[in-house]
């Protein structure tokens, strides 16, 4: 997974609402709005998910930043 700075409709993008280090795992807690984390036909609302990233990516982002995964 890598951050994308220009999100398109096929990307899953959301706001980082928390950052967690758990047992040497770097997790970004992302809130996907309007079904952005799943098929919009199946879901219309908010989805929160933990995205595991490497330490460099973890350090590059702050709470409130937008983050996209493929």
N, C-alpha and C. Protein backbone atom coordinates (compact mmCIF):
# COMPACT_ATOMS: atom_id res chain seq x y z
N UNK A 1 0.84 -1.18 0.00
CA UNK A 1 0.00 0.00 0.00
C UNK A 1 0.88 1.24 0.00
N UNK A 2 0.49 2.17 -0.80
CA UNK A 2 1.26 3.41 -0.86
C UNK A 2 0.31 4.58 -0.88
N UNK A 3 0.74 5.70 -0.34
CA UNK A 3 -0.13 6.87 -0.36
C UNK A 3 -0.23 7.42 -1.77
N UNK A 4 -1.38 7.91 -2.11
CA UNK A 4 -1.60 8.54 -3.39
C UNK A 4 -2.01 9.96 -3.14
N UNK A 5 -1.40 10.88 -3.85
CA UNK A 5 -1.68 12.28 -3.60
C UNK A 5 -2.78 12.80 -4.49
N UNK A 6 -3.10 12.14 -5.59
CA UNK A 6 -4.22 12.51 -6.43
C UNK A 6 -5.18 11.34 -6.47
N UNK A 7 -6.20 11.38 -5.65
CA UNK A 7 -7.13 10.26 -5.57
C UNK A 7 -8.11 10.31 -6.73
N UNK A 8 -8.47 9.15 -7.24
CA UNK A 8 -9.54 9.09 -8.22
C UNK A 8 -10.66 8.24 -7.68
N UNK A 9 -11.72 8.09 -8.42
CA UNK A 9 -12.92 7.42 -7.91
C UNK A 9 -12.68 5.96 -7.53
N UNK A 10 -11.66 5.32 -8.11
CA UNK A 10 -11.39 3.92 -7.80
C UNK A 10 -10.56 3.75 -6.54
N UNK A 11 -9.99 4.83 -6.02
CA UNK A 11 -9.16 4.75 -4.82
C UNK A 11 -10.03 4.82 -3.57
N UNK A 12 -9.48 4.28 -2.50
CA UNK A 12 -10.14 4.35 -1.20
C UNK A 12 -9.42 5.43 -0.40
N UNK A 13 -10.06 6.56 -0.22
CA UNK A 13 -9.44 7.70 0.46
C UNK A 13 -10.25 8.08 1.68
N UNK A 14 -9.56 8.53 2.70
CA UNK A 14 -10.25 8.98 3.89
C UNK A 14 -9.34 9.78 4.78
N UNK A 15 -9.92 10.26 5.87
CA UNK A 15 -9.20 11.09 6.83
C UNK A 15 -8.58 10.22 7.91
N UNK A 16 -7.33 10.51 8.25
CA UNK A 16 -6.66 9.81 9.36
C UNK A 16 -7.24 10.37 10.65
N UNK A 17 -7.86 9.50 11.44
CA UNK A 17 -8.46 9.95 12.70
C UNK A 17 -7.63 9.51 13.91
N UNK A 18 -6.65 8.62 13.70
CA UNK A 18 -5.78 8.20 14.79
C UNK A 18 -4.57 7.50 14.19
N UNK A 19 -3.47 7.49 14.94
CA UNK A 19 -2.26 6.77 14.58
C UNK A 19 -1.89 5.88 15.76
N UNK A 20 -1.60 4.59 15.48
CA UNK A 20 -1.36 3.62 16.54
C UNK A 20 -0.12 2.81 16.21
N UNK A 21 0.73 2.61 17.21
CA UNK A 21 1.84 1.66 17.09
C UNK A 21 1.50 0.51 18.03
N UNK A 22 1.36 -0.69 17.46
CA UNK A 22 0.96 -1.86 18.23
C UNK A 22 1.87 -3.02 17.87
N UNK A 23 2.71 -3.45 18.82
CA UNK A 23 3.58 -4.60 18.61
C UNK A 23 4.42 -4.45 17.33
N UNK A 24 5.07 -3.28 17.19
CA UNK A 24 5.91 -2.95 16.04
C UNK A 24 5.14 -2.87 14.72
N UNK A 25 3.85 -2.69 14.78
CA UNK A 25 3.02 -2.47 13.60
C UNK A 25 2.58 -1.01 13.63
N UNK A 26 2.66 -0.36 12.48
CA UNK A 26 2.29 1.05 12.36
C UNK A 26 0.94 1.12 11.66
N UNK A 27 -0.06 1.61 12.39
CA UNK A 27 -1.43 1.61 11.89
C UNK A 27 -1.97 3.03 11.78
N UNK A 28 -2.58 3.32 10.64
CA UNK A 28 -3.33 4.55 10.46
C UNK A 28 -4.80 4.18 10.55
N UNK A 29 -5.53 4.83 11.42
CA UNK A 29 -6.97 4.60 11.54
C UNK A 29 -7.64 5.61 10.61
N UNK A 30 -8.30 5.09 9.57
CA UNK A 30 -8.86 5.92 8.51
C UNK A 30 -10.38 5.89 8.57
N UNK A 31 -10.99 7.07 8.42
CA UNK A 31 -12.45 7.16 8.29
C UNK A 31 -12.76 7.42 6.82
N UNK A 32 -13.41 6.45 6.21
CA UNK A 32 -13.84 6.58 4.82
C UNK A 32 -15.28 7.07 4.83
N UNK A 33 -15.56 8.21 4.18
CA UNK A 33 -16.90 8.77 4.15
C UNK A 33 -17.65 8.34 2.90
N UNK A 34 -18.96 8.36 2.97
CA UNK A 34 -19.85 8.10 1.84
C UNK A 34 -19.54 6.79 1.13
N UNK A 35 -19.22 5.77 1.90
CA UNK A 35 -18.97 4.46 1.30
C UNK A 35 -17.65 4.37 0.58
N UNK A 36 -16.72 5.30 0.81
CA UNK A 36 -15.46 5.31 0.09
C UNK A 36 -14.61 4.08 0.31
N UNK A 37 -14.88 3.30 1.35
CA UNK A 37 -14.07 2.12 1.63
C UNK A 37 -14.64 0.86 1.06
N UNK A 38 -15.75 0.95 0.37
CA UNK A 38 -16.39 -0.24 -0.18
C UNK A 38 -17.25 0.15 -1.37
N UNK A 39 -17.89 -0.81 -1.96
CA UNK A 39 -18.77 -0.57 -3.11
C UNK A 39 -19.93 0.30 -2.67
N UNK A 40 -20.13 1.44 -3.33
CA UNK A 40 -21.16 2.37 -2.90
C UNK A 40 -22.57 1.80 -3.07
N UNK A 41 -22.75 0.83 -3.94
CA UNK A 41 -24.06 0.21 -4.10
C UNK A 41 -24.43 -0.61 -2.86
N UNK A 42 -23.40 -1.10 -2.15
CA UNK A 42 -23.62 -1.93 -0.97
C UNK A 42 -23.58 -1.16 0.33
N UNK A 43 -23.05 0.05 0.31
CA UNK A 43 -22.80 0.77 1.55
C UNK A 43 -22.95 2.26 1.32
N UNK A 44 -23.68 2.91 2.20
CA UNK A 44 -23.81 4.36 2.11
C UNK A 44 -23.70 4.93 3.50
N UNK A 45 -22.49 5.29 3.91
CA UNK A 45 -22.29 5.80 5.25
C UNK A 45 -20.82 5.95 5.54
N UNK A 46 -20.44 5.65 6.78
CA UNK A 46 -19.07 5.84 7.23
C UNK A 46 -18.44 4.49 7.56
N UNK A 47 -17.19 4.32 7.18
CA UNK A 47 -16.44 3.11 7.48
C UNK A 47 -15.12 3.52 8.10
N UNK A 48 -14.74 2.90 9.21
CA UNK A 48 -13.46 3.16 9.85
C UNK A 48 -12.64 1.88 9.75
N UNK A 49 -11.37 2.01 9.34
CA UNK A 49 -10.53 0.83 9.16
C UNK A 49 -9.10 1.16 9.57
N UNK A 50 -8.37 0.14 10.03
CA UNK A 50 -6.95 0.27 10.35
C UNK A 50 -6.15 -0.14 9.13
N UNK A 51 -5.24 0.72 8.68
CA UNK A 51 -4.39 0.44 7.54
C UNK A 51 -2.96 0.33 8.05
N UNK A 52 -2.34 -0.83 7.83
CA UNK A 52 -0.95 -1.01 8.27
C UNK A 52 -0.02 -0.43 7.21
N UNK A 53 0.92 0.39 7.67
CA UNK A 53 1.89 1.04 6.78
C UNK A 53 3.28 0.86 7.37
N UNK A 54 4.29 1.25 6.60
CA UNK A 54 5.65 1.19 7.14
C UNK A 54 5.91 2.43 7.99
N UNK A 55 7.03 2.41 8.70
CA UNK A 55 7.35 3.50 9.64
C UNK A 55 7.51 4.84 8.93
N UNK A 56 8.09 4.82 7.74
CA UNK A 56 8.30 6.06 6.99
C UNK A 56 6.98 6.73 6.63
N UNK A 57 6.03 5.95 6.11
CA UNK A 57 4.71 6.49 5.78
C UNK A 57 4.01 6.96 7.04
N UNK A 58 4.08 6.15 8.11
CA UNK A 58 3.46 6.49 9.39
C UNK A 58 3.93 7.86 9.87
N UNK A 59 5.24 8.11 9.76
CA UNK A 59 5.81 9.36 10.23
C UNK A 59 5.48 10.54 9.32
N UNK A 60 5.12 10.26 8.07
CA UNK A 60 4.86 11.31 7.08
C UNK A 60 3.47 11.92 7.20
N UNK A 61 2.58 11.28 7.92
CA UNK A 61 1.19 11.73 8.01
C UNK A 61 0.82 12.06 9.44
N UNK A 62 -0.13 12.98 9.57
CA UNK A 62 -0.65 13.40 10.87
C UNK A 62 -2.16 13.17 10.90
N UNK A 63 -2.72 13.14 12.11
CA UNK A 63 -4.18 13.08 12.23
C UNK A 63 -4.78 14.27 11.49
N UNK A 64 -5.86 14.01 10.77
CA UNK A 64 -6.51 15.06 9.99
C UNK A 64 -6.09 15.05 8.54
N UNK A 65 -4.95 14.41 8.22
CA UNK A 65 -4.50 14.32 6.83
C UNK A 65 -5.38 13.34 6.06
N UNK A 66 -5.42 13.50 4.75
CA UNK A 66 -6.12 12.57 3.87
C UNK A 66 -5.12 11.50 3.43
N UNK A 67 -5.57 10.24 3.40
CA UNK A 67 -4.72 9.14 2.99
C UNK A 67 -5.51 8.25 2.03
N UNK A 68 -4.86 7.80 0.97
CA UNK A 68 -5.51 6.95 -0.03
C UNK A 68 -4.75 5.64 -0.17
N UNK A 69 -5.48 4.57 -0.34
CA UNK A 69 -4.90 3.26 -0.62
C UNK A 69 -5.50 2.75 -1.92
N UNK A 70 -4.76 1.89 -2.60
CA UNK A 70 -5.24 1.33 -3.87
C UNK A 70 -6.25 0.24 -3.60
